[in-house]
């Protein structure tokens, strides 16, 4: 009877270890995905910051059309596309604000 109890506990211990291993693997994989996503967003932001206003306007037009197509298909990729679109629009607003500060009227008011 003791031998049987020992085997049951040993089996349960092995099952628990296997489950813990799968949980640890899942956590590591999720962390790698998060780092990859952060790196990708950093790269996209760097490219957007280097674009001219004309290129930004063209990119915004393309991104809006692509988002509309993805929404019509019911795709899951809309979230990342809308995030990129918001980054492009924010950069365009930033450029417009910088240009407004450099206009002669703004300089005369200071």
PDB file of N, CA and C in Angstrom:
ATOM      1  N   UNK A   1       0.827  -1.200   0.000  1.00  0.00           N
ATOM      2  CA  UNK A   1       0.000   0.000   0.000  1.00  0.00           C
ATOM      3  C   UNK A   1       0.869   1.262   0.000  1.00  0.00           C
ATOM      4  N   UNK A   2       1.953   1.253   0.799  1.00  0.00           N
ATOM      5  CA  UNK A   2       2.827   2.430   0.832  1.00  0.00           C
ATOM      6  C   UNK A   2       3.490   2.658  -0.513  1.00  0.00           C
ATOM      7  N   UNK A   3       3.851   1.576  -1.151  1.00  0.00           N
ATOM      8  CA  UNK A   3       4.483   1.697  -2.458  1.00  0.00           C
ATOM      9  C   UNK A   3       3.520   2.331  -3.451  1.00  0.00           C
ATOM     10  N   UNK A   4       2.248   1.947  -3.381  1.00  0.00           N
ATOM     11  CA  UNK A   4       1.235   2.510  -4.257  1.00  0.00           C
ATOM     12  C   UNK A   4       1.036   3.991  -3.966  1.00  0.00           C
ATOM     13  N   UNK A   5       0.994   4.370  -2.676  1.00  0.00           N
ATOM     14  CA  UNK A   5       0.868   5.796  -2.311  1.00  0.00           C
ATOM     15  C   UNK A   5       2.064   6.590  -2.809  1.00  0.00           C
ATOM     16  N   UNK A   6       3.231   6.025  -2.692  1.00  0.00           N
ATOM     17  CA  UNK A   6       4.440   6.692  -3.165  1.00  0.00           C
ATOM     18  C   UNK A   6       4.407   6.923  -4.673  1.00  0.00           C
ATOM     19  N   UNK A   7       3.935   5.917  -5.392  1.00  0.00           N
ATOM     20  CA  UNK A   7       3.831   6.051  -6.853  1.00  0.00           C
ATOM     21  C   UNK A   7       2.806   7.113  -7.241  1.00  0.00           C
ATOM     22  N   UNK A   8       1.702   7.180  -6.506  1.00  0.00           N
ATOM     23  CA  UNK A   8       0.680   8.206  -6.790  1.00  0.00           C
ATOM     24  C   UNK A   8       1.263   9.596  -6.563  1.00  0.00           C
ATOM     25  N   UNK A   9       1.936   9.784  -5.436  1.00  0.00           N
ATOM     26  CA  UNK A   9       2.524  11.100  -5.147  1.00  0.00           C
ATOM     27  C   UNK A   9       3.614  11.453  -6.158  1.00  0.00           C
ATOM     28  N   UNK A  10       4.403  10.469  -6.557  1.00  0.00           N
ATOM     29  CA  UNK A  10       5.441  10.699  -7.563  1.00  0.00           C
ATOM     30  C   UNK A  10       4.815  11.112  -8.897  1.00  0.00           C
ATOM     31  N   UNK A  11       3.741  10.427  -9.274  1.00  0.00           N
ATOM     32  CA  UNK A  11       3.037  10.770 -10.513  1.00  0.00           C
ATOM     33  C   UNK A  11       2.458  12.177 -10.440  1.00  0.00           C
ATOM     34  N   UNK A  12       1.843  12.515  -9.321  1.00  0.00           N
ATOM     35  CA  UNK A  12       1.292  13.868  -9.150  1.00  0.00           C
ATOM     36  C   UNK A  12       2.396  14.921  -9.204  1.00  0.00           C
ATOM     37  N   UNK A  13       3.520  14.628  -8.595  1.00  0.00           N
ATOM     38  CA  UNK A  13       4.648  15.564  -8.631  1.00  0.00           C
ATOM     39  C   UNK A  13       5.150  15.791 -10.045  1.00  0.00           C
ATOM     40  N   UNK A  14       5.224  14.725 -10.818  1.00  0.00           N
ATOM     41  CA  UNK A  14       5.674  14.856 -12.214  1.00  0.00           C
ATOM     42  C   UNK A  14       4.679  15.675 -13.024  1.00  0.00           C
ATOM     43  N   UNK A  15       3.395  15.432 -12.811  1.00  0.00           N
ATOM     44  CA  UNK A  15       2.361  16.198 -13.524  1.00  0.00           C
ATOM     45  C   UNK A  15       2.465  17.678 -13.174  1.00  0.00           C
ATOM     46  N   UNK A  16       2.654  17.991 -11.908  1.00  0.00           N
ATOM     47  CA  UNK A  16       2.778  19.392 -11.475  1.00  0.00           C
ATOM     48  C   UNK A  16       4.012  20.029 -12.097  1.00  0.00           C
ATOM     49  N   UNK A  17       5.128  19.320 -12.118  1.00  0.00           N
ATOM     50  CA  UNK A  17       6.345  19.859 -12.728  1.00  0.00           C
ATOM     51  C   UNK A  17       6.156  20.139 -14.223  1.00  0.00           C
ATOM     52  N   UNK A  18       5.465  19.250 -14.909  1.00  0.00           N
ATOM     53  CA  UNK A  18       5.205  19.445 -16.339  1.00  0.00           C
ATOM     54  C   UNK A  18       4.332  20.676 -16.544  1.00  0.00           C
ATOM     55  N   UNK A  19       3.305  20.827 -15.714  1.00  0.00           N
ATOM     56  CA  UNK A  19       2.429  21.998 -15.817  1.00  0.00           C
ATOM     57  C   UNK A  19       3.212  23.280 -15.537  1.00  0.00           C
ATOM     58  N   UNK A  20       4.049  23.272 -14.505  1.00  0.00           N
ATOM     59  CA  UNK A  20       4.861  24.454 -14.205  1.00  0.00           C
ATOM     60  C   UNK A  20       5.788  24.795 -15.365  1.00  0.00           C
ATOM     61  N   UNK A  21       6.351  23.775 -15.968  1.00  0.00           N
ATOM     62  CA  UNK A  21       7.246  23.998 -17.106  1.00  0.00           C
ATOM     63  C   UNK A  21       6.497  24.655 -18.261  1.00  0.00           C
ATOM     64  N   UNK A  22       5.283  24.202 -18.523  1.00  0.00           N
ATOM     65  CA  UNK A  22       4.507  24.792 -19.617  1.00  0.00           C
ATOM     66  C   UNK A  22       4.112  26.224 -19.286  1.00  0.00           C
ATOM     67  N   UNK A  23       3.820  26.513 -18.031  1.00  0.00           N
ATOM     68  CA  UNK A  23       3.488  27.885 -17.628  1.00  0.00           C
ATOM     69  C   UNK A  23       4.704  28.787 -17.784  1.00  0.00           C
ATOM     70  N   UNK A  24       5.860  28.335 -17.352  1.00  0.00           N
ATOM     71  CA  UNK A  24       7.090  29.118 -17.486  1.00  0.00           C
ATOM     72  C   UNK A  24       7.399  29.376 -18.955  1.00  0.00           C
ATOM     73  N   UNK A  25       7.264  28.354 -19.800  1.00  0.00           N
ATOM     74  CA  UNK A  25       7.490  28.532 -21.237  1.00  0.00           C
ATOM     75  C   UNK A  25       6.528  29.564 -21.820  1.00  0.00           C
ATOM     76  N   UNK A  26       5.263  29.537 -21.395  1.00  0.00           N
ATOM     77  CA  UNK A  26       4.271  30.493 -21.876  1.00  0.00           C
ATOM     78  C   UNK A  26       4.649  31.923 -21.482  1.00  0.00           C
ATOM     79  N   UNK A  27       5.089  32.104 -20.222  1.00  0.00           N
ATOM     80  CA  UNK A  27       5.475  33.435 -19.749  1.00  0.00           C
ATOM     81  C   UNK A  27       6.685  33.957 -20.523  1.00  0.00           C
ATOM     82  N   UNK A  28       7.654  33.113 -20.767  1.00  0.00           N
ATOM     83  CA  UNK A  28       8.848  33.516 -21.520  1.00  0.00           C
ATOM     84  C   UNK A  28       8.469  33.895 -22.950  1.00  0.00           C
ATOM     85  N   UNK A  29       7.624  33.097 -23.565  1.00  0.00           N
ATOM     86  CA  UNK A  29       7.193  33.375 -24.942  1.00  0.00           C
ATOM     87  C   UNK A  29       6.442  34.697 -25.008  1.00  0.00           C
ATOM     88  N   UNK A  30       5.588  34.958 -24.040  1.00  0.00           N
ATOM     89  CA  UNK A  30       4.830  36.213 -24.010  1.00  0.00           C
ATOM     90  C   UNK A  30       5.760  37.401 -23.856  1.00  0.00           C
ATOM     91  N   UNK A  31       6.775  37.277 -23.013  1.00  0.00           N
ATOM     92  CA  UNK A  31       7.748  38.351 -22.841  1.00  0.00           C
ATOM     93  C   UNK A  31       8.518  38.635 -24.121  1.00  0.00           C
ATOM     94  N   UNK A  32       8.863  37.577 -24.848  1.00  0.00           N
ATOM     95  CA  UNK A  32       9.575  37.762 -26.112  1.00  0.00           C
ATOM     96  C   UNK A  32       8.691  38.468 -27.128  1.00  0.00           C
ATOM     97  N   UNK A  33       7.406  38.115 -27.154  1.00  0.00           N
ATOM     98  CA  UNK A  33       6.481  38.780 -28.080  1.00  0.00           C
ATOM     99  C   UNK A  33       6.368  40.258 -27.746  1.00  0.00           C
ATOM    100  N   UNK A  34       6.288  40.573 -26.457  1.00  0.00           N
ATOM    101  CA  UNK A  34       6.164  41.973 -26.024  1.00  0.00           C
ATOM    102  C   UNK A  34       7.402  42.772 -26.415  1.00  0.00           C
ATOM    103  N   UNK A  35       8.582  42.182 -26.223  1.00  0.00           N
ATOM    104  CA  UNK A  35       9.822  42.870 -26.608  1.00  0.00           C
ATOM    105  C   UNK A  35       9.895  43.078 -28.117  1.00  0.00           C
ATOM    106  N   UNK A  36       9.477  42.071 -28.855  1.00  0.00           N
ATOM    107  CA  UNK A  36       9.477  42.186 -30.316  1.00  0.00           C
ATOM    108  C   UNK A  36       8.530  43.295 -30.765  1.00  0.00           C
ATOM    109  N   UNK A  37       7.357  43.386 -30.127  1.00  0.00           N
ATOM    110  CA  UNK A  37       6.387  44.425 -30.462  1.00  0.00           C
ATOM    111  C   UNK A  37       6.935  45.816 -30.121  1.00  0.00           C
ATOM    112  N   UNK A  38       7.577  45.952 -28.970  1.00  0.00           N
ATOM    113  CA  UNK A  38       8.171  47.240 -28.596  1.00  0.00           C
ATOM    114  C   UNK A  38       9.249  47.663 -29.583  1.00  0.00           C
ATOM    115  N   UNK A  39      10.086  46.714 -29.987  1.00  0.00           N
ATOM    116  CA  UNK A  39      11.152  47.007 -30.938  1.00  0.00           C
ATOM    117  C   UNK A  39      10.562  47.438 -32.284  1.00  0.00           C
ATOM    118  N   UNK A  40       9.498  46.761 -32.709  1.00  0.00           N
ATOM    119  CA  UNK A  40       8.857  47.103 -33.977  1.00  0.00           C
ATOM    120  C   UNK A  40       8.253  48.511 -33.914  1.00  0.00           C
ATOM    121  N   UNK A  41       7.615  48.848 -32.819  1.00  0.00           N
ATOM    122  CA  UNK A  41       7.019  50.185 -32.678  1.00  0.00           C
ATOM    123  C   UNK A  41       8.106  51.245 -32.654  1.00  0.00           C
ATOM    124  N   UNK A  42       9.225  50.968 -31.991  1.00  0.00           N
ATOM    125  CA  UNK A  42      10.345  51.908 -31.984  1.00  0.00           C
ATOM    126  C   UNK A  42      10.871  52.153 -33.392  1.00  0.00           C
ATOM    127  N   UNK A  43      10.988  51.085 -34.176  1.00  0.00           N
ATOM    128  CA  UNK A  43      11.460  51.202 -35.555  1.00  0.00           C
ATOM    129  C   UNK A  43      10.485  52.005 -36.410  1.00  0.00           C
ATOM    130  N   UNK A  44       9.193  51.743 -36.238  1.00  0.00           N
ATOM    131  CA  UNK A  44       8.179  52.485 -36.998  1.00  0.00           C
ATOM    132  C   UNK A  44       8.234  53.958 -36.644  1.00  0.00           C
ATOM    133  N   UNK A  45       8.354  54.269 -35.350  1.00  0.00           N
ATOM    134  CA  UNK A  45       8.422  55.666 -34.913  1.00  0.00           C
ATOM    135  C   UNK A  45       9.647  56.367 -35.500  1.00  0.00           C
ATOM    136  N   UNK A  46      10.771  55.671 -35.572  1.00  0.00           N
ATOM    137  CA  UNK A  46      11.987  56.262 -36.135  1.00  0.00           C
ATOM    138  C   UNK A  46      11.792  56.592 -37.611  1.00  0.00           C
ATOM    139  N   UNK A  47      11.138  55.706 -38.328  1.00  0.00           N
ATOM    140  CA  UNK A  47      10.883  55.954 -39.755  1.00  0.00           C
ATOM    141  C   UNK A  47       9.925  57.124 -39.930  1.00  0.00           C
ATOM    142  N   UNK A  48       8.889  57.176 -39.116  1.00  0.00           N
ATOM    143  CA  UNK A  48       7.907  58.264 -39.214  1.00  0.00           C
ATOM    144  C   UNK A  48       8.564  59.604 -38.908  1.00  0.00           C
ATOM    145  N   UNK A  49       9.456  59.627 -37.936  1.00  0.00           N
ATOM    146  CA  UNK A  49      10.118  60.880 -37.575  1.00  0.00           C
ATOM    147  C   UNK A  49      11.008  61.407 -38.699  1.00  0.00           C
ATOM    148  N   UNK A  50      11.469  60.546 -39.586  1.00  0.00           N
ATOM    149  CA  UNK A  50      12.338  60.959 -40.680  1.00  0.00           C
ATOM    150  C   UNK A  50      11.573  61.357 -41.938  1.00  0.00           C
ATOM    151  N   UNK A  51      10.248  61.153 -41.951  1.00  0.00           N
ATOM    152  CA  UNK A  51       9.465  61.444 -43.157  1.00  0.00           C
ATOM    153  C   UNK A  51       9.216  62.938 -43.305  1.00  0.00           C
ATOM    154  N   UNK A  52       9.103  63.371 -44.545  1.00  0.00           N
ATOM    155  CA  UNK A  52       8.745  64.757 -44.836  1.00  0.00           C
ATOM    156  C   UNK A  52       7.233  64.906 -44.699  1.00  0.00           C
ATOM    157  N   UNK A  53       6.730  66.144 -44.607  1.00  0.00           N
ATOM    158  CA  UNK A  53       5.275  66.337 -44.501  1.00  0.00           C
ATOM    159  C   UNK A  53       4.500  65.714 -45.667  1.00  0.00           C
ATOM    160  N   UNK A  54       5.055  65.772 -46.881  1.00  0.00           N
ATOM    161  CA  UNK A  54       4.370  65.183 -48.036  1.00  0.00           C
ATOM    162  C   UNK A  54       4.303  63.665 -47.902  1.00  0.00           C
ATOM    163  N   UNK A  55       5.413  63.075 -47.463  1.00  0.00           N
ATOM    164  CA  UNK A  55       5.427  61.627 -47.268  1.00  0.00           C
ATOM    165  C   UNK A  55       4.462  61.214 -46.158  1.00  0.00           C
ATOM    166  N   UNK A  56       4.374  62.029 -45.110  1.00  0.00           N
ATOM    167  CA  UNK A  56       3.436  61.737 -44.026  1.00  0.00           C
ATOM    168  C   UNK A  56       1.999  61.780 -44.522  1.00  0.00           C
ATOM    169  N   UNK A  57       1.679  62.780 -45.339  1.00  0.00           N
ATOM    170  CA  UNK A  57       0.317  62.877 -45.871  1.00  0.00           C
ATOM    171  C   UNK A  57      -0.012  61.658 -46.733  1.00  0.00           C
ATOM    172  N   UNK A  58       0.938  61.244 -47.557  1.00  0.00           N
ATOM    173  CA  UNK A  58       0.730  60.065 -48.402  1.00  0.00           C
ATOM    174  C   UNK A  58       0.578  58.807 -47.544  1.00  0.00           C
ATOM    175  N   UNK A  59       1.411  58.679 -46.525  1.00  0.00           N
ATOM    176  CA  UNK A  59       1.329  57.519 -45.622  1.00  0.00           C
ATOM    177  C   UNK A  59      -0.014  57.497 -44.897  1.00  0.00           C
ATOM    178  N   UNK A  60      -0.490  58.654 -44.457  1.00  0.00           N
ATOM    179  CA  UNK A  60      -1.782  58.720 -43.765  1.00  0.00           C
ATOM    180  C   UNK A  60      -2.901  58.273 -44.704  1.00  0.00           C
ATOM    181  N   UNK A  61      -2.857  58.723 -45.952  1.00  0.00           N
ATOM    182  CA  UNK A  61      -3.877  58.332 -46.919  1.00  0.00           C
ATOM    183  C   UNK A  61      -3.855  56.813 -47.133  1.00  0.00           C
ATOM    184  N   UNK A  62      -2.654  56.253 -47.290  1.00  0.00           N
ATOM    185  CA  UNK A  62      -2.527  54.807 -47.485  1.00  0.00           C
ATOM    186  C   UNK A  62      -3.004  54.032 -46.262  1.00  0.00           C
ATOM    187  N   UNK A  63      -2.637  54.518 -45.073  1.00  0.00           N
ATOM    188  CA  UNK A  63      -3.016  53.810 -43.846  1.00  0.00           C
ATOM    189  C   UNK A  63      -4.531  53.840 -43.642  1.00  0.00           C
ATOM    190  N   UNK A  64      -5.169  54.975 -43.939  1.00  0.00           N
ATOM    191  CA  UNK A  64      -6.632  55.050 -43.802  1.00  0.00           C
ATOM    192  C   UNK A  64      -7.309  54.061 -44.739  1.00  0.00           C
ATOM    193  N   UNK A  65      -6.832  53.994 -45.982  1.00  0.00           N
ATOM    194  CA  UNK A  65      -7.421  53.056 -46.940  1.00  0.00           C
ATOM    195  C   UNK A  65      -7.207  51.609 -46.490  1.00  0.00           C
ATOM    196  N   UNK A  66      -6.014  51.323 -45.990  1.00  0.00           N
ATOM    197  CA  UNK A  66      -5.712  49.963 -45.543  1.00  0.00           C
ATOM    198  C   UNK A  66      -6.554  49.580 -44.326  1.00  0.00           C
ATOM    199  N   UNK A  67      -6.732  50.523 -43.397  1.00  0.00           N
ATOM    200  CA  UNK A  67      -7.577  50.258 -42.218  1.00  0.00           C
ATOM    201  C   UNK A  67      -9.012  49.965 -42.644  1.00  0.00           C
ATOM    202  N   UNK A  68      -9.509  50.741 -43.606  1.00  0.00           N
ATOM    203  CA  UNK A  68     -10.880  50.523 -44.076  1.00  0.00           C
ATOM    204  C   UNK A  68     -11.015  49.133 -44.701  1.00  0.00           C
ATOM    205  N   UNK A  69     -10.023  48.719 -45.490  1.00  0.00           N
ATOM    206  CA  UNK A  69     -10.064  47.378 -46.088  1.00  0.00           C
ATOM    207  C   UNK A  69     -10.028  46.292 -45.015  1.00  0.00           C
ATOM    208  N   UNK A  70      -9.146  46.469 -44.034  1.00  0.00           N
ATOM    209  CA  UNK A  70      -9.026  45.448 -42.978  1.00  0.00           C
ATOM    210  C   UNK A  70     -10.296  45.365 -42.141  1.00  0.00           C
ATOM    211  N   UNK A  71     -10.918  46.516 -41.857  1.00  0.00           N
ATOM    212  CA  UNK A  71     -12.167  46.497 -41.090  1.00  0.00           C
ATOM    213  C   UNK A  71     -13.264  45.789 -41.867  1.00  0.00           C
ATOM    214  N   UNK A  72     -13.307  46.039 -43.180  1.00  0.00           N
ATOM    215  CA  UNK A  72     -14.327  45.401 -44.012  1.00  0.00           C
ATOM    216  C   UNK A  72     -14.155  43.879 -44.010  1.00  0.00           C
ATOM    217  N   UNK A  73     -12.918  43.419 -43.944  1.00  0.00           N
ATOM    218  CA  UNK A  73     -12.657  41.977 -43.905  1.00  0.00           C
ATOM    219  C   UNK A  73     -12.863  41.389 -42.519  1.00  0.00           C
ATOM    220  N   UNK A  74     -12.944  42.247 -41.510  1.00  0.00           N
ATOM    221  CA  UNK A  74     -13.065  41.757 -40.140  1.00  0.00           C
ATOM    222  C   UNK A  74     -11.750  41.235 -39.610  1.00  0.00           C
ATOM    223  N   UNK A  75     -10.651  41.820 -40.065  1.00  0.00           N
ATOM    224  CA  UNK A  75      -9.325  41.331 -39.710  1.00  0.00           C
ATOM    225  C   UNK A  75      -8.927  41.771 -38.304  1.00  0.00           C
ATOM    226  N   UNK A  76      -8.025  41.013 -37.709  1.00  0.00           N
ATOM    227  CA  UNK A  76      -7.508  41.327 -36.377  1.00  0.00           C
ATOM    228  C   UNK A  76      -6.386  42.362 -36.435  1.00  0.00           C
ATOM    229  N   UNK A  77      -5.816  42.613 -37.609  1.00  0.00           N
ATOM    230  CA  UNK A  77      -4.675  43.507 -37.732  1.00  0.00           C
ATOM    231  C   UNK A  77      -5.022  44.982 -37.698  1.00  0.00           C
ATOM    232  N   UNK A  78      -6.275  45.321 -37.479  1.00  0.00           N
ATOM    233  CA  UNK A  78      -6.699  46.722 -37.503  1.00  0.00           C
ATOM    234  C   UNK A  78      -6.076  47.497 -36.353  1.00  0.00           C
ATOM    235  N   UNK A  79      -5.888  46.861 -35.219  1.00  0.00           N
ATOM    236  CA  UNK A  79      -5.380  47.573 -34.043  1.00  0.00           C
ATOM    237  C   UNK A  79      -4.002  48.164 -34.293  1.00  0.00           C
ATOM    238  N   UNK A  80      -3.111  47.380 -34.854  1.00  0.00           N
ATOM    239  CA  UNK A  80      -1.760  47.874 -35.130  1.00  0.00           C
ATOM    240  C   UNK A  80      -1.785  48.935 -36.217  1.00  0.00           C
ATOM    241  N   UNK A  81      -2.635  48.757 -37.208  1.00  0.00           N
ATOM    242  CA  UNK A  81      -2.734  49.753 -38.277  1.00  0.00           C
ATOM    243  C   UNK A  81      -3.241  51.087 -37.738  1.00  0.00           C
ATOM    244  N   UNK A  82      -4.247  51.051 -36.885  1.00  0.00           N
ATOM    245  CA  UNK A  82      -4.767  52.308 -36.335  1.00  0.00           C
ATOM    246  C   UNK A  82      -3.728  52.957 -35.423  1.00  0.00           C
ATOM    247  N   UNK A  83      -2.932  52.149 -34.743  1.00  0.00           N
ATOM    248  CA  UNK A  83      -1.870  52.714 -33.913  1.00  0.00           C
ATOM    249  C   UNK A  83      -0.853  53.438 -34.780  1.00  0.00           C
ATOM    250  N   UNK A  84      -0.458  52.818 -35.895  1.00  0.00           N
ATOM    251  CA  UNK A  84       0.476  53.470 -36.818  1.00  0.00           C
ATOM    252  C   UNK A  84      -0.130  54.736 -37.399  1.00  0.00           C
ATOM    253  N   UNK A  85      -1.411  54.684 -37.717  1.00  0.00           N
ATOM    254  CA  UNK A  85      -2.089  55.854 -38.257  1.00  0.00           C
ATOM    255  C   UNK A  85      -2.084  56.990 -37.237  1.00  0.00           C
ATOM    256  N   UNK A  86      -2.339  56.666 -35.972  1.00  0.00           N
ATOM    257  CA  UNK A  86      -2.296  57.699 -34.926  1.00  0.00           C
ATOM    258  C   UNK A  86      -0.899  58.285 -34.777  1.00  0.00           C
ATOM    259  N   UNK A  87       0.145  57.454 -34.915  1.00  0.00           N
ATOM    260  CA  UNK A  87       1.514  57.965 -34.832  1.00  0.00           C
ATOM    261  C   UNK A  87       1.801  58.926 -35.975  1.00  0.00           C
ATOM    262  N   UNK A  88       1.339  58.580 -37.179  1.00  0.00           N
ATOM    263  CA  UNK A  88       1.550  59.455 -38.339  1.00  0.00           C
ATOM    264  C   UNK A  88       0.822  60.778 -38.137  1.00  0.00           C
ATOM    265  N   UNK A  89      -0.433  60.707 -37.692  1.00  0.00           N
ATOM    266  CA  UNK A  89      -1.205  61.935 -37.494  1.00  0.00           C
ATOM    267  C   UNK A  89      -0.608  62.799 -36.382  1.00  0.00           C
ATOM    268  N   UNK A  90      -0.109  62.181 -35.328  1.00  0.00           N
ATOM    269  CA  UNK A  90       0.522  62.948 -34.247  1.00  0.00           C
ATOM    270  C   UNK A  90       1.773  63.656 -34.749  1.00  0.00           C
ATOM    271  N   UNK A  91       2.541  62.973 -35.579  1.00  0.00           N
ATOM    272  CA  UNK A  91       3.745  63.604 -36.139  1.00  0.00           C
ATOM    273  C   UNK A  91       3.375  64.762 -37.060  1.00  0.00           C
ATOM    274  N   UNK A  92       2.296  64.604 -37.827  1.00  0.00           N
ATOM    275  CA  UNK A  92       1.852  65.690 -38.700  1.00  0.00           C
ATOM    276  C   UNK A  92       1.428  66.906 -37.870  1.00  0.00           C
ATOM    277  N   UNK A  93       0.729  66.673 -36.773  1.00  0.00           N
ATOM    278  CA  UNK A  93       0.324  67.775 -35.893  1.00  0.00           C
ATOM    279  C   UNK A  93       1.541  68.439 -35.270  1.00  0.00           C
ATOM    280  N   UNK A  94       2.528  67.648 -34.911  1.00  0.00           N
ATOM    281  CA  UNK A  94       3.746  68.196 -34.327  1.00  0.00           C
ATOM    282  C   UNK A  94       4.470  69.084 -35.334  1.00  0.00           C
ATOM    283  N   UNK A  95       4.553  68.645 -36.577  1.00  0.00           N
ATOM    284  CA  UNK A  95       5.194  69.446 -37.616  1.00  0.00           C
ATOM    285  C   UNK A  95       4.414  70.732 -37.856  1.00  0.00           C
ATOM    286  N   UNK A  96       3.082  70.637 -37.866  1.00  0.00           N
ATOM    287  CA  UNK A  96       2.244  71.825 -38.068  1.00  0.00           C
ATOM    288  C   UNK A  96       2.432  72.815 -36.922  1.00  0.00           C
ATOM    289  N   UNK A  97       2.543  72.319 -35.694  1.00  0.00           N
ATOM    290  CA  UNK A  97       2.743  73.200 -34.540  1.00  0.00           C
ATOM    291  C   UNK A  97       4.107  73.879 -34.611  1.00  0.00           C
ATOM    292  N   UNK A  98       5.122  73.133 -35.026  1.00  0.00           N
ATOM    293  CA  UNK A  98       6.459  73.731 -35.173  1.00  0.00           C
ATOM    294  C   UNK A  98       6.462  74.784 -36.263  1.00  0.00           C
ATOM    295  N   UNK A  99       5.751  74.521 -37.351  1.00  0.00           N
ATOM    296  CA  UNK A  99       5.681  75.481 -38.445  1.00  0.00           C
ATOM    297  C   UNK A  99       4.921  76.729 -38.020  1.00  0.00           C
ATOM    298  N   UNK A 100       3.882  76.555 -37.211  1.00  0.00           N
ATOM    299  CA  UNK A 100       3.101  77.704 -36.746  1.00  0.00           C
ATOM    300  C   UNK A 100       3.944  78.603 -35.835  1.00  0.00           C
ATOM    301  N   UNK A 101       4.830  78.005 -35.066  1.00  0.00           N
ATOM    302  CA  UNK A 101       5.691  78.796 -34.184  1.00  0.00           C
ATOM    303  C   UNK A 101       6.716  79.603 -34.977  1.00  0.00           C
ATOM    304  N   UNK A 102       7.082  79.101 -36.160  1.00  0.00           N
ATOM    305  CA  UNK A 102       8.121  79.770 -36.952  1.00  0.00           C
ATOM    306  C   UNK A 102       7.572  80.804 -37.925  1.00  0.00           C
ATOM    307  N   UNK A 103       6.254  80.943 -38.004  1.00  0.00           N
ATOM    308  CA  UNK A 103       5.680  81.919 -38.943  1.00  0.00           C
ATOM    309  C   UNK A 103       5.986  83.337 -38.470  1.00  0.00           C
ATOM    310  N   UNK A 104       6.052  84.301 -39.385  1.00  0.00           N
ATOM    311  CA  UNK A 104       6.370  85.695 -39.001  1.00  0.00           C
ATOM    312  C   UNK A 104       5.368  86.294 -38.013  1.00  0.00           C
ATOM    313  N   UNK A 105       4.088  85.933 -38.136  1.00  0.00           N
ATOM    314  CA  UNK A 105       3.079  86.477 -37.205  1.00  0.00           C
ATOM    315  C   UNK A 105       3.358  85.999 -35.773  1.00  0.00           C
ATOM    316  N   UNK A 106       3.708  84.714 -35.649  1.00  0.00           N
ATOM    317  CA  UNK A 106       3.993  84.166 -34.321  1.00  0.00           C
ATOM    318  C   UNK A 106       5.255  84.794 -33.742  1.00  0.00           C
ATOM    319  N   UNK A 107       6.245  85.057 -34.601  1.00  0.00           N
ATOM    320  CA  UNK A 107       7.488  85.670 -34.120  1.00  0.00           C
ATOM    321  C   UNK A 107       7.217  87.115 -33.701  1.00  0.00           C
ATOM    322  N   UNK A 108       6.360  87.834 -34.446  1.00  0.00           N
ATOM    323  CA  UNK A 108       6.026  89.220 -34.111  1.00  0.00           C
ATOM    324  C   UNK A 108       5.259  89.339 -32.809  1.00  0.00           C
ATOM    325  N   UNK A 109       4.468  88.328 -32.456  1.00  0.00           N
ATOM    326  CA  UNK A 109       3.693  88.366 -31.215  1.00  0.00           C
ATOM    327  C   UNK A 109       4.567  88.175 -29.991  1.00  0.00           C
ATOM    328  N   UNK A 110       5.705  87.550 -30.158  1.00  0.00           N
ATOM    329  CA  UNK A 110       6.555  87.253 -28.987  1.00  0.00           C
ATOM    330  C   UNK A 110       7.287  88.429 -28.568  1.00  0.00           C
TER     331      UNK A 110
END
